[in-house]
Amino acid sequence: MSFVKSFSARYADEDTIYGALAKIFPMETGITVIYQRGRFICTTPRELTREETSAIKAAIKANHYGDES
């Protein structure tokens, strides 16, 4: 069974999101990240916890600030 979670982000944030998911699921190959209308639709092998979701959102936010300098 797969679970879907979406994140509002820029197209340039794909690597950040995929990297964060790879840390959570290091041995999984069933992860997909698709950009669609200003959101990334992520398919994962299990539902993300609240903490994992917050960590990904924080990584996206940090990436935005890093791009501004």
Protein backbone atom coordinates (compact mmCIF):
# COMPACT_ATOMS: atom_id res chain seq x y z
CA MET A 1 0.00 0.00 0.00
CA SER A 2 1.24 3.49 -0.83
CA PHE A 3 0.46 6.79 0.84
CA VAL A 4 0.29 10.23 -0.76
CA LYS A 5 1.38 13.52 0.79
CA SER A 6 1.62 16.89 -0.94
CA PHE A 7 3.90 19.83 -0.20
CA SER A 8 3.56 23.36 -1.50
CA ALA A 9 6.94 24.24 -2.98
CA ARG A 10 8.79 25.60 -5.99
CA TYR A 11 9.93 23.43 -8.85
CA ALA A 12 13.53 23.92 -7.64
CA ASP A 13 12.69 22.21 -4.32
CA GLU A 14 12.41 18.73 -5.83
CA ASP A 15 15.93 17.67 -4.78
CA THR A 16 15.31 18.93 -1.24
CA ILE A 17 12.08 16.97 -0.90
CA TYR A 18 13.48 13.82 -2.46
CA GLY A 19 16.58 14.02 -0.25
CA ALA A 20 14.45 14.36 2.89
CA LEU A 21 12.31 11.39 1.87
CA ALA A 22 15.43 9.33 1.12
CA LYS A 23 16.63 9.97 4.69
CA ILE A 24 13.29 8.75 6.07
CA PHE A 25 13.11 5.75 3.69
CA PRO A 26 16.77 4.91 2.92
CA MET A 27 16.16 1.41 1.56
CA GLU A 28 12.86 2.02 -0.26
CA THR A 29 12.52 2.24 -4.01
CA GLY A 30 8.78 3.00 -4.16
CA ILE A 31 9.08 6.73 -3.52
CA THR A 32 7.84 9.09 -6.22
CA VAL A 33 7.93 12.88 -6.28
CA ILE A 34 5.88 14.63 -8.97
CA TYR A 35 5.48 18.39 -9.44
CA GLN A 36 1.97 19.50 -10.28
CA ARG A 37 0.51 23.02 -10.12
CA GLY A 38 2.83 24.44 -7.48
CA ARG A 39 2.77 21.32 -5.30
CA PHE A 40 4.85 18.20 -5.04
CA ILE A 41 2.80 15.03 -4.83
CA CYS A 42 4.85 12.42 -2.96
CA THR A 43 4.06 8.72 -2.81
CA THR A 44 5.63 6.86 0.12
CA PRO A 45 5.48 3.29 1.45
CA ARG A 46 3.85 4.43 4.69
CA GLU A 47 2.16 7.55 5.99
CA LEU A 48 4.54 10.28 7.14
CA THR A 49 4.42 11.20 10.81
CA ARG A 50 3.72 14.75 11.91
CA GLU A 51 7.40 15.15 12.80
CA GLU A 52 8.57 13.87 9.41
CA THR A 53 6.17 16.21 7.62
CA SER A 54 7.43 19.14 9.70
CA ALA A 55 11.05 18.21 8.93
CA ILE A 56 10.38 18.21 5.18
CA LYS A 57 8.57 21.56 5.39
CA ALA A 58 11.52 22.98 7.36
CA ALA A 59 13.95 21.70 4.71
CA ILE A 60 11.89 23.40 1.98
CA LYS A 61 11.87 26.65 3.95
CA ALA A 62 15.63 26.46 4.57
CA ASN A 63 16.19 25.87 0.85
CA HIS A 64 14.19 29.03 0.04
CA TYR A 65 16.33 31.14 2.39
CA GLY A 66 19.51 29.56 1.02
CA ASP A 67 18.52 30.57 -2.53
CA GLU A 68 18.04 34.21 -1.54
CA SER A 69 21.68 34.92 -0.66
